[in-house]
All heavy atoms as atom14 arrays in JSON, in Angstrom:
{
  "sequence": "GADAVSGIVQIFTRQGRGAFNMSAEGRAGNRGSREITLDAN",
  "atom14_mask": [
    [1, 1, 1, 1, 0, 0, 0, 0, 0, 0, 0, 0, 0, 0],
    [1, 1, 1, 1, 1, 0, 0, 0, 0, 0, 0, 0, 0, 0],
    [1, 1, 1, 1, 1, 1, 1, 1, 0, 0, 0, 0, 0, 0],
    [1, 1, 1, 1, 1, 0, 0, 0, 0, 0, 0, 0, 0, 0],
    [1, 1, 1, 1, 1, 1, 1, 0, 0, 0, 0, 0, 0, 0],
    [1, 1, 1, 1, 1, 1, 0, 0, 0, 0, 0, 0, 0, 0],
    [1, 1, 1, 1, 0, 0, 0, 0, 0, 0, 0, 0, 0, 0],
    [1, 1, 1, 1, 1, 1, 1, 1, 0, 0, 0, 0, 0, 0],
    [1, 1, 1, 1, 1, 1, 1, 0, 0, 0, 0, 0, 0, 0],
    [1, 1, 1, 1, 1, 1, 1, 1, 1, 0, 0, 0, 0, 0],
    [1, 1, 1, 1, 1, 1, 1, 1, 0, 0, 0, 0, 0, 0],
    [1, 1, 1, 1, 1, 1, 1, 1, 1, 1, 1, 0, 0, 0],
    [1, 1, 1, 1, 1, 1, 1, 0, 0, 0, 0, 0, 0, 0],
    [1, 1, 1, 1, 1, 1, 1, 1, 1, 1, 1, 0, 0, 0],
    [1, 1, 1, 1, 1, 1, 1, 1, 1, 0, 0, 0, 0, 0],
    [1, 1, 1, 1, 0, 0, 0, 0, 0, 0, 0, 0, 0, 0],
    [1, 1, 1, 1, 1, 1, 1, 1, 1, 1, 1, 0, 0, 0],
    [1, 1, 1, 1, 0, 0, 0, 0, 0, 0, 0, 0, 0, 0],
    [1, 1, 1, 1, 1, 0, 0, 0, 0, 0, 0, 0, 0, 0],
    [1, 1, 1, 1, 1, 1, 1, 1, 1, 1, 1, 0, 0, 0],
    [1, 1, 1, 1, 1, 1, 1, 1, 0, 0, 0, 0, 0, 0],
    [1, 1, 1, 1, 1, 1, 1, 1, 0, 0, 0, 0, 0, 0],
    [1, 1, 1, 1, 1, 1, 0, 0, 0, 0, 0, 0, 0, 0],
    [1, 1, 1, 1, 1, 0, 0, 0, 0, 0, 0, 0, 0, 0],
    [1, 1, 1, 1, 1, 1, 1, 1, 1, 0, 0, 0, 0, 0],
    [1, 1, 1, 1, 0, 0, 0, 0, 0, 0, 0, 0, 0, 0],
    [1, 1, 1, 1, 1, 1, 1, 1, 1, 1, 1, 0, 0, 0],
    [1, 1, 1, 1, 1, 0, 0, 0, 0, 0, 0, 0, 0, 0],
    [1, 1, 1, 1, 0, 0, 0, 0, 0, 0, 0, 0, 0, 0],
    [1, 1, 1, 1, 1, 1, 1, 1, 0, 0, 0, 0, 0, 0],
    [1, 1, 1, 1, 1, 1, 1, 1, 1, 1, 1, 0, 0, 0],
    [1, 1, 1, 1, 0, 0, 0, 0, 0, 0, 0, 0, 0, 0],
    [1, 1, 1, 1, 1, 1, 0, 0, 0, 0, 0, 0, 0, 0],
    [1, 1, 1, 1, 1, 1, 1, 1, 1, 1, 1, 0, 0, 0],
    [1, 1, 1, 1, 1, 1, 1, 1, 1, 0, 0, 0, 0, 0],
    [1, 1, 1, 1, 1, 1, 1, 1, 0, 0, 0, 0, 0, 0],
    [1, 1, 1, 1, 1, 1, 1, 0, 0, 0, 0, 0, 0, 0],
    [1, 1, 1, 1, 1, 1, 1, 1, 0, 0, 0, 0, 0, 0],
    [1, 1, 1, 1, 1, 1, 1, 1, 0, 0, 0, 0, 0, 0],
    [1, 1, 1, 1, 1, 0, 0, 0, 0, 0, 0, 0, 0, 0],
    [1, 1, 1, 1, 1, 1, 1, 1, 0, 0, 0, 0, 0, 0]
  ],
  "atom14_positions": [
    [[115.05, 116.23, 109.44], [115.94, 115.58, 110.25], [117.37, 115.22, 109.69], [117.71, 115.52, 108.59], [0.0, 0.0, 0.0], [0.0, 0.0, 0.0], [0.0, 0.0, 0.0], [0.0, 0.0, 0.0], [0.0, 0.0, 0.0], [0.0, 0.0, 0.0], [0.0, 0.0, 0.0], [0.0, 0.0, 0.0], [0.0, 0.0, 0.0], [0.0, 0.0, 0.0]],
    [[118.26, 114.8, 110.53], [119.64, 114.76, 110.15], [119.98, 113.79, 109.07], [121.06, 114.1, 108.46], [120.45, 114.23, 111.43], [0.0, 0.0, 0.0], [0.0, 0.0, 0.0], [0.0, 0.0, 0.0], [0.0, 0.0, 0.0], [0.0, 0.0, 0.0], [0.0, 0.0, 0.0], [0.0, 0.0, 0.0], [0.0, 0.0, 0.0], [0.0, 0.0, 0.0]],
    [[119.14, 112.88, 108.76], [119.52, 111.9, 107.6], [119.15, 112.47, 106.29], [119.27, 111.7, 105.24], [118.83, 110.58, 107.93], [117.47, 110.57, 108.22], [116.85, 111.79, 108.33], [116.72, 109.58, 108.4], [0.0, 0.0, 0.0], [0.0, 0.0, 0.0], [0.0, 0.0, 0.0], [0.0, 0.0, 0.0], [0.0, 0.0, 0.0], [0.0, 0.0, 0.0]],
    [[118.65, 113.63, 106.07], [118.34, 114.29, 104.91], [119.41, 115.19, 104.5], [119.21, 116.43, 104.2], [117.01, 114.99, 104.91], [0.0, 0.0, 0.0], [0.0, 0.0, 0.0], [0.0, 0.0, 0.0], [0.0, 0.0, 0.0], [0.0, 0.0, 0.0], [0.0, 0.0, 0.0], [0.0, 0.0, 0.0], [0.0, 0.0, 0.0], [0.0, 0.0, 0.0]],
    [[120.61, 114.75, 104.37], [121.86, 115.47, 104.14], [121.83, 115.88, 102.6], [122.22, 117.09, 102.3], [123.15, 114.66, 104.51], [124.36, 115.54, 104.19], [123.04, 114.27, 106.01], [0.0, 0.0, 0.0], [0.0, 0.0, 0.0], [0.0, 0.0, 0.0], [0.0, 0.0, 0.0], [0.0, 0.0, 0.0], [0.0, 0.0, 0.0], [0.0, 0.0, 0.0]],
    [[121.79, 114.84, 101.74], [121.79, 115.3, 100.31], [120.55, 115.7, 99.54], [120.47, 116.18, 98.54], [122.4, 114.08, 99.6], [123.79, 113.75, 99.96], [0.0, 0.0, 0.0], [0.0, 0.0, 0.0], [0.0, 0.0, 0.0], [0.0, 0.0, 0.0], [0.0, 0.0, 0.0], [0.0, 0.0, 0.0], [0.0, 0.0, 0.0], [0.0, 0.0, 0.0]],
    [[119.34, 115.28, 100.32], [118.04, 115.64, 99.77], [117.05, 114.61, 100.3], [117.35, 113.78, 101.06], [0.0, 0.0, 0.0], [0.0, 0.0, 0.0], [0.0, 0.0, 0.0], [0.0, 0.0, 0.0], [0.0, 0.0, 0.0], [0.0, 0.0, 0.0], [0.0, 0.0, 0.0], [0.0, 0.0, 0.0], [0.0, 0.0, 0.0], [0.0, 0.0, 0.0]],
    [[115.93, 114.77, 99.56], [114.85, 113.78, 99.96], [114.13, 113.36, 98.66], [114.09, 113.94, 97.64], [113.84, 114.36, 100.95], [112.99, 115.44, 100.27], [114.47, 114.86, 102.25], [111.61, 115.75, 100.95], [0.0, 0.0, 0.0], [0.0, 0.0, 0.0], [0.0, 0.0, 0.0], [0.0, 0.0, 0.0], [0.0, 0.0, 0.0], [0.0, 0.0, 0.0]],
    [[113.51, 112.11, 98.8], [112.62, 111.58, 97.78], [111.32, 111.21, 98.57], [111.27, 110.4, 99.41], [113.15, 110.42, 97.19], [112.14, 109.62, 96.18], [114.44, 110.62, 96.41], [0.0, 0.0, 0.0], [0.0, 0.0, 0.0], [0.0, 0.0, 0.0], [0.0, 0.0, 0.0], [0.0, 0.0, 0.0], [0.0, 0.0, 0.0], [0.0, 0.0, 0.0]],
    [[110.25, 111.89, 98.03], [108.87, 111.6, 98.77], [107.9, 111.09, 97.67], [107.7, 111.79, 96.56], [108.35, 112.84, 99.45], [107.05, 112.61, 100.05], [106.66, 113.45, 101.27], [105.78, 113.04, 102.14], [107.2, 114.62, 101.37], [0.0, 0.0, 0.0], [0.0, 0.0, 0.0], [0.0, 0.0, 0.0], [0.0, 0.0, 0.0], [0.0, 0.0, 0.0]],
    [[107.25, 110.03, 97.99], [106.26, 109.41, 97.13], [104.91, 109.56, 97.8], [104.67, 109.4, 98.82], [106.65, 107.88, 97.02], [107.98, 107.76, 96.25], [105.56, 107.07, 96.18], [108.73, 106.57, 96.85], [0.0, 0.0, 0.0], [0.0, 0.0, 0.0], [0.0, 0.0, 0.0], [0.0, 0.0, 0.0], [0.0, 0.0, 0.0], [0.0, 0.0, 0.0]],
    [[104.03, 110.0, 96.81], [102.67, 110.3, 97.18], [101.66, 109.28, 96.64], [101.68, 109.02, 95.37], [102.15, 111.7, 96.82], [102.9, 112.82, 97.5], [104.13, 113.28, 97.11], [102.5, 113.23, 98.78], [104.82, 114.22, 97.77], [103.3, 114.28, 99.41], [104.4, 114.73, 98.88], [0.0, 0.0, 0.0], [0.0, 0.0, 0.0], [0.0, 0.0, 0.0]],
    [[100.75, 108.69, 97.41], [99.85, 107.76, 96.92], [98.72, 108.43, 96.15], [98.29, 109.53, 96.55], [99.19, 106.97, 98.03], [100.26, 106.22, 98.76], [98.31, 105.98, 97.62], [0.0, 0.0, 0.0], [0.0, 0.0, 0.0], [0.0, 0.0, 0.0], [0.0, 0.0, 0.0], [0.0, 0.0, 0.0], [0.0, 0.0, 0.0], [0.0, 0.0, 0.0]],
    [[98.22, 107.83, 95.14], [97.1, 108.44, 94.36], [95.93, 108.73, 95.16], [95.5, 107.86, 96.02], [96.79, 107.42, 93.19], [95.66, 108.02, 92.34], [95.32, 107.12, 91.21], [96.4, 106.81, 90.39], [96.21, 105.9, 89.26], [95.17, 105.33, 89.05], [97.39, 105.64, 88.51], [0.0, 0.0, 0.0], [0.0, 0.0, 0.0], [0.0, 0.0, 0.0]],
    [[95.27, 109.76, 95.02], [93.9, 110.02, 95.7], [92.82, 110.15, 94.59], [93.16, 110.69, 93.4], [93.97, 111.37, 96.42], [94.95, 111.39, 97.51], [94.86, 112.65, 98.31], [93.74, 113.15, 98.69], [95.91, 113.17, 98.73], [0.0, 0.0, 0.0], [0.0, 0.0, 0.0], [0.0, 0.0, 0.0], [0.0, 0.0, 0.0], [0.0, 0.0, 0.0]],
    [[91.74, 109.55, 94.85], [90.63, 109.37, 93.83], [90.12, 110.8, 93.53], [89.93, 111.64, 94.46], [0.0, 0.0, 0.0], [0.0, 0.0, 0.0], [0.0, 0.0, 0.0], [0.0, 0.0, 0.0], [0.0, 0.0, 0.0], [0.0, 0.0, 0.0], [0.0, 0.0, 0.0], [0.0, 0.0, 0.0], [0.0, 0.0, 0.0], [0.0, 0.0, 0.0]],
    [[89.72, 111.06, 92.26], [89.06, 112.31, 91.88], [88.04, 112.06, 90.8], [88.35, 111.22, 89.88], [90.18, 113.34, 91.26], [91.13, 113.77, 92.34], [92.06, 114.87, 91.76], [93.09, 115.33, 92.56], [94.18, 114.83, 92.67], [94.62, 113.75, 92.05], [95.14, 115.33, 93.56], [0.0, 0.0, 0.0], [0.0, 0.0, 0.0], [0.0, 0.0, 0.0]],
    [[86.89, 112.51, 90.94], [85.93, 112.42, 89.89], [85.19, 111.03, 90.01], [85.15, 110.31, 91.05], [0.0, 0.0, 0.0], [0.0, 0.0, 0.0], [0.0, 0.0, 0.0], [0.0, 0.0, 0.0], [0.0, 0.0, 0.0], [0.0, 0.0, 0.0], [0.0, 0.0, 0.0], [0.0, 0.0, 0.0], [0.0, 0.0, 0.0], [0.0, 0.0, 0.0]],
    [[84.55, 110.76, 88.81], [83.79, 109.45, 88.83], [84.64, 108.25, 88.99], [85.79, 108.18, 88.88], [82.94, 109.39, 87.48], [0.0, 0.0, 0.0], [0.0, 0.0, 0.0], [0.0, 0.0, 0.0], [0.0, 0.0, 0.0], [0.0, 0.0, 0.0], [0.0, 0.0, 0.0], [0.0, 0.0, 0.0], [0.0, 0.0, 0.0], [0.0, 0.0, 0.0]],
    [[83.93, 107.1, 89.38], [84.61, 105.91, 89.48], [85.31, 105.44, 88.28], [84.84, 105.55, 87.16], [83.53, 104.85, 89.96], [84.18, 103.41, 90.1], [84.96, 103.02, 91.17], [83.99, 102.41, 89.06], [85.62, 101.82, 91.2], [84.65, 101.23, 89.17], [85.39, 100.9, 90.25], [0.0, 0.0, 0.0], [0.0, 0.0, 0.0], [0.0, 0.0, 0.0]],
    [[86.53, 105.14, 88.47], [87.41, 104.62, 87.3], [88.19, 103.45, 87.56], [88.71, 103.44, 88.72], [88.39, 105.72, 87.0], [89.3, 105.44, 85.8], [90.19, 104.74, 85.86], [89.01, 106.26, 84.66], [0.0, 0.0, 0.0], [0.0, 0.0, 0.0], [0.0, 0.0, 0.0], [0.0, 0.0, 0.0], [0.0, 0.0, 0.0], [0.0, 0.0, 0.0]],
    [[88.29, 102.39, 86.71], [88.99, 101.18, 86.95], [89.77, 100.81, 85.84], [89.27, 101.04, 84.66], [87.98, 100.1, 87.45], [88.72, 98.83, 87.87], [87.45, 97.73, 88.63], [87.34, 96.58, 87.44], [0.0, 0.0, 0.0], [0.0, 0.0, 0.0], [0.0, 0.0, 0.0], [0.0, 0.0, 0.0], [0.0, 0.0, 0.0], [0.0, 0.0, 0.0]],
    [[90.98, 100.22, 85.98], [91.8, 99.87, 84.87], [92.66, 98.65, 85.23], [92.8, 98.43, 86.38], [92.72, 101.04, 84.46], [93.65, 101.33, 85.45], [0.0, 0.0, 0.0], [0.0, 0.0, 0.0], [0.0, 0.0, 0.0], [0.0, 0.0, 0.0], [0.0, 0.0, 0.0], [0.0, 0.0, 0.0], [0.0, 0.0, 0.0], [0.0, 0.0, 0.0]],
    [[93.01, 97.96, 84.06], [93.82, 96.7, 84.29], [94.93, 96.74, 83.17], [94.54, 97.17, 82.04], [93.09, 95.43, 84.25], [0.0, 0.0, 0.0], [0.0, 0.0, 0.0], [0.0, 0.0, 0.0], [0.0, 0.0, 0.0], [0.0, 0.0, 0.0], [0.0, 0.0, 0.0], [0.0, 0.0, 0.0], [0.0, 0.0, 0.0], [0.0, 0.0, 0.0]],
    [[96.09, 96.28, 83.44], [97.07, 96.18, 82.43], [98.01, 95.05, 82.74], [98.26, 94.58, 83.89], [97.9, 97.46, 82.56], [98.97, 97.55, 81.34], [99.55, 98.92, 81.35], [99.03, 99.86, 81.0], [100.82, 98.98, 81.79], [0.0, 0.0, 0.0], [0.0, 0.0, 0.0], [0.0, 0.0, 0.0], [0.0, 0.0, 0.0], [0.0, 0.0, 0.0]],
    [[98.42, 94.42, 81.61], [99.32, 93.25, 81.79], [100.37, 93.27, 80.7], [100.34, 93.84, 79.54], [0.0, 0.0, 0.0], [0.0, 0.0, 0.0], [0.0, 0.0, 0.0], [0.0, 0.0, 0.0], [0.0, 0.0, 0.0], [0.0, 0.0, 0.0], [0.0, 0.0, 0.0], [0.0, 0.0, 0.0], [0.0, 0.0, 0.0], [0.0, 0.0, 0.0]],
    [[101.53, 92.74, 81.07], [102.63, 92.68, 80.13], [103.46, 91.28, 80.24], [103.43, 90.64, 81.27], [103.77, 93.78, 80.45], [103.33, 95.19, 80.23], [104.37, 96.21, 80.52], [104.01, 97.59, 80.33], [103.53, 98.2, 81.25], [103.44, 97.91, 82.47], [103.26, 99.6, 80.98], [0.0, 0.0, 0.0], [0.0, 0.0, 0.0], [0.0, 0.0, 0.0]],
    [[104.05, 90.98, 79.1], [104.81, 89.73, 79.17], [106.0, 89.93, 78.2], [105.93, 90.58, 77.17], [104.03, 88.51, 78.69], [0.0, 0.0, 0.0], [0.0, 0.0, 0.0], [0.0, 0.0, 0.0], [0.0, 0.0, 0.0], [0.0, 0.0, 0.0], [0.0, 0.0, 0.0], [0.0, 0.0, 0.0], [0.0, 0.0, 0.0], [0.0, 0.0, 0.0]],
    [[107.15, 89.25, 78.5], [108.35, 89.27, 77.71], [109.29, 88.33, 77.9], [108.88, 87.19, 78.39], [0.0, 0.0, 0.0], [0.0, 0.0, 0.0], [0.0, 0.0, 0.0], [0.0, 0.0, 0.0], [0.0, 0.0, 0.0], [0.0, 0.0, 0.0], [0.0, 0.0, 0.0], [0.0, 0.0, 0.0], [0.0, 0.0, 0.0], [0.0, 0.0, 0.0]],
    [[110.62, 88.39, 77.35], [111.56, 87.41, 77.39], [111.94, 87.21, 78.85], [111.73, 87.94, 79.82], [112.67, 87.63, 76.46], [113.29, 88.98, 76.75], [112.86, 89.76, 77.65], [114.43, 89.21, 75.99], [0.0, 0.0, 0.0], [0.0, 0.0, 0.0], [0.0, 0.0, 0.0], [0.0, 0.0, 0.0], [0.0, 0.0, 0.0], [0.0, 0.0, 0.0]],
    [[112.9, 86.16, 79.16], [113.21, 85.68, 80.31], [112.24, 85.49, 81.4], [112.4, 85.71, 82.57], [114.34, 86.89, 80.98], [115.57, 87.2, 80.09], [116.42, 87.99, 80.66], [117.59, 88.44, 79.74], [118.66, 87.73, 79.59], [118.8, 86.51, 80.19], [119.56, 88.11, 78.77], [0.0, 0.0, 0.0], [0.0, 0.0, 0.0], [0.0, 0.0, 0.0]],
    [[111.16, 85.08, 80.93], [109.99, 84.72, 81.81], [109.28, 86.0, 82.52], [108.65, 85.83, 83.53], [0.0, 0.0, 0.0], [0.0, 0.0, 0.0], [0.0, 0.0, 0.0], [0.0, 0.0, 0.0], [0.0, 0.0, 0.0], [0.0, 0.0, 0.0], [0.0, 0.0, 0.0], [0.0, 0.0, 0.0], [0.0, 0.0, 0.0], [0.0, 0.0, 0.0]],
    [[109.5, 87.16, 82.05], [108.98, 88.47, 82.51], [107.39, 88.5, 82.33], [107.02, 88.36, 81.18], [109.72, 89.57, 81.99], [111.02, 89.52, 82.21], [0.0, 0.0, 0.0], [0.0, 0.0, 0.0], [0.0, 0.0, 0.0], [0.0, 0.0, 0.0], [0.0, 0.0, 0.0], [0.0, 0.0, 0.0], [0.0, 0.0, 0.0], [0.0, 0.0, 0.0]],
    [[106.76, 88.77, 83.4], [105.34, 88.92, 83.18], [104.88, 89.76, 84.34], [105.38, 89.64, 85.47], [104.49, 87.77, 83.07], [104.65, 86.75, 84.29], [105.68, 85.81, 84.11], [105.6, 84.65, 85.08], [106.6, 83.92, 85.36], [107.8, 84.11, 84.95], [106.43, 82.9, 86.16], [0.0, 0.0, 0.0], [0.0, 0.0, 0.0], [0.0, 0.0, 0.0]],
    [[103.8, 90.58, 84.19], [103.22, 91.37, 85.25], [101.79, 91.75, 84.87], [101.41, 91.76, 83.78], [104.11, 92.67, 85.38], [104.2, 93.61, 84.1], [105.1, 94.76, 84.29], [106.22, 94.54, 84.65], [104.59, 95.85, 84.08], [0.0, 0.0, 0.0], [0.0, 0.0, 0.0], [0.0, 0.0, 0.0], [0.0, 0.0, 0.0], [0.0, 0.0, 0.0]],
    [[101.1, 92.03, 86.01], [99.76, 92.54, 85.88], [99.5, 93.56, 86.98], [99.98, 93.49, 88.08], [98.78, 91.27, 85.97], [97.4, 91.83, 85.78], [98.87, 90.65, 87.31], [96.31, 90.72, 85.6], [0.0, 0.0, 0.0], [0.0, 0.0, 0.0], [0.0, 0.0, 0.0], [0.0, 0.0, 0.0], [0.0, 0.0, 0.0], [0.0, 0.0, 0.0]],
    [[98.75, 94.71, 86.56], [98.37, 95.81, 87.56], [96.97, 96.01, 87.37], [96.34, 95.85, 86.38], [99.1, 96.93, 87.18], [98.97, 97.39, 85.87], [100.65, 96.69, 87.28], [0.0, 0.0, 0.0], [0.0, 0.0, 0.0], [0.0, 0.0, 0.0], [0.0, 0.0, 0.0], [0.0, 0.0, 0.0], [0.0, 0.0, 0.0], [0.0, 0.0, 0.0]],
    [[96.28, 96.32, 88.52], [94.91, 96.64, 88.63], [94.83, 97.91, 89.49], [95.51, 98.06, 90.54], [94.17, 95.45, 89.22], [94.08, 94.09, 88.48], [93.48, 93.05, 89.52], [93.38, 94.22, 87.32], [0.0, 0.0, 0.0], [0.0, 0.0, 0.0], [0.0, 0.0, 0.0], [0.0, 0.0, 0.0], [0.0, 0.0, 0.0], [0.0, 0.0, 0.0]],
    [[93.77, 98.77, 89.2], [93.63, 99.88, 90.13], [92.24, 100.47, 89.86], [91.59, 100.17, 88.86], [94.65, 101.01, 89.83], [94.58, 101.72, 88.53], [93.55, 102.56, 88.36], [95.4, 101.37, 87.66], [0.0, 0.0, 0.0], [0.0, 0.0, 0.0], [0.0, 0.0, 0.0], [0.0, 0.0, 0.0], [0.0, 0.0, 0.0], [0.0, 0.0, 0.0]],
    [[91.62, 100.95, 91.01], [90.44, 101.64, 91.01], [90.43, 102.88, 91.86], [91.13, 102.88, 92.88], [89.3, 100.59, 91.39], [0.0, 0.0, 0.0], [0.0, 0.0, 0.0], [0.0, 0.0, 0.0], [0.0, 0.0, 0.0], [0.0, 0.0, 0.0], [0.0, 0.0, 0.0], [0.0, 0.0, 0.0], [0.0, 0.0, 0.0], [0.0, 0.0, 0.0]],
    [[89.7, 103.9, 91.39], [89.66, 105.11, 92.21], [88.38, 105.96, 91.94], [87.8, 105.63, 90.83], [90.9, 105.96, 91.95], [91.22, 106.31, 90.58], [90.6, 107.33, 90.13], [91.95, 105.46, 89.84], [0.0, 0.0, 0.0], [0.0, 0.0, 0.0], [0.0, 0.0, 0.0], [0.0, 0.0, 0.0], [0.0, 0.0, 0.0], [0.0, 0.0, 0.0]]
  ]
}
């Protein structure tokens, strides 16, 4: 379409492959930065 003048960026969601897999990750840093992520597929 007309709004793709300079190009496009397309993001694809992960699809599960193989045996069940689950992971968790956390980070913390200065300026009160902290994060946690979880995923399973």
